[in-house]
Each structure stands twice: as C-alpha cells, then as structure tokens.
Amino acid sequence: MGDSFRFLLRVRYNECDAQGIVFNARWVDYVDVAVTEYMRVLFGSADPAVTGVDWRLVKQTLEWRAPARFDDVLDIRIATRRIGTTSFTLATEFRRFGDPLILATAETIYVTIDRTARKQAVSDEHRAALERGAPGLVVDHAGARP
C-alpha cells in the first residue's frame, strides 16, 4: 500500500494503557477517523446529506504486530480492496511515520445504506471514487510533515 491515501495522526497520552502502549480498542477508533478523512477526500465531504451516500460497518478484522506508544505519529494508509453491489472493503495499514515496519492491519467491510438504513447499491459515482482512491494524498493531523 505504498502509494495509497495516508493519514497522519499523533498518539495522545489518554489513548495509552497502563503498559504505556496504545490501548487495543483505540485502533478501531483510529481506523474510523482515518476512513472518515478518506471519504472526505473521495466524496468532497463525509456528511451523507452532502454526498448522497452513507455506510455502516458490518465487519472489521484487526491484526496487531507491534505496539505504538504515546507521541508516536501513526502513518495510516487506506486503500479500497473490493466493491460489491451494496458493500465495499477497505484495507488499512499502520506504521510509525518514517518507519516501514507495519504495526497493525485492518480490513473493514461497509454496507451502503439509504436514509431509512436499508441497504442500497453503491452508485456509479461512488463506485468510481472508491476505485480511484486517493493515491499519494497525505492528510496530516499530526503536524509531522515539514
């Protein structure tokens, strides 16, 4: 996922456990925040009233390989892996900024829904944006880039 969308986020003190590492449940939060930024880039907004699409998580799998610690800058990379009729799958990789070691990975499956929370087909417009992705784009919430 070298040339995928990247989101830089600094680990805050309250996100760490008594061992001084990022608490396991926080990784899911990080995926959610990064996906929101990915969608904002792809669709121009993350607001369903603006984009005409909403999505719900139906399955998420995370695999931890190495810890992250307070004040680490996480380099979170996201790419679209699959688009079905009503669902899409995003892959997420976590690294420390400037380090090639993968700390964790996640695979998240979303289903698109209408205003009444019923499944709806992924529109051609949204499908094209998900297929295109945002290769090479970096959103920096950590202040890590010069």
Foldseek 3Di string as FASTA:
>chain_A
DQFAEKEKDAAAQVQADPVQFGDPVVVVVVVVVVVQVQCCVLQVHSDCVRRVKDKDWDDKDKDFDATHGHGFIKIKGKAWDDFDFFKTKIKIWIDGVPDPDTGMIMIIMIGIAHPVRHGHGQDPSNVVSRNVGRTNHYHYPNPPDD
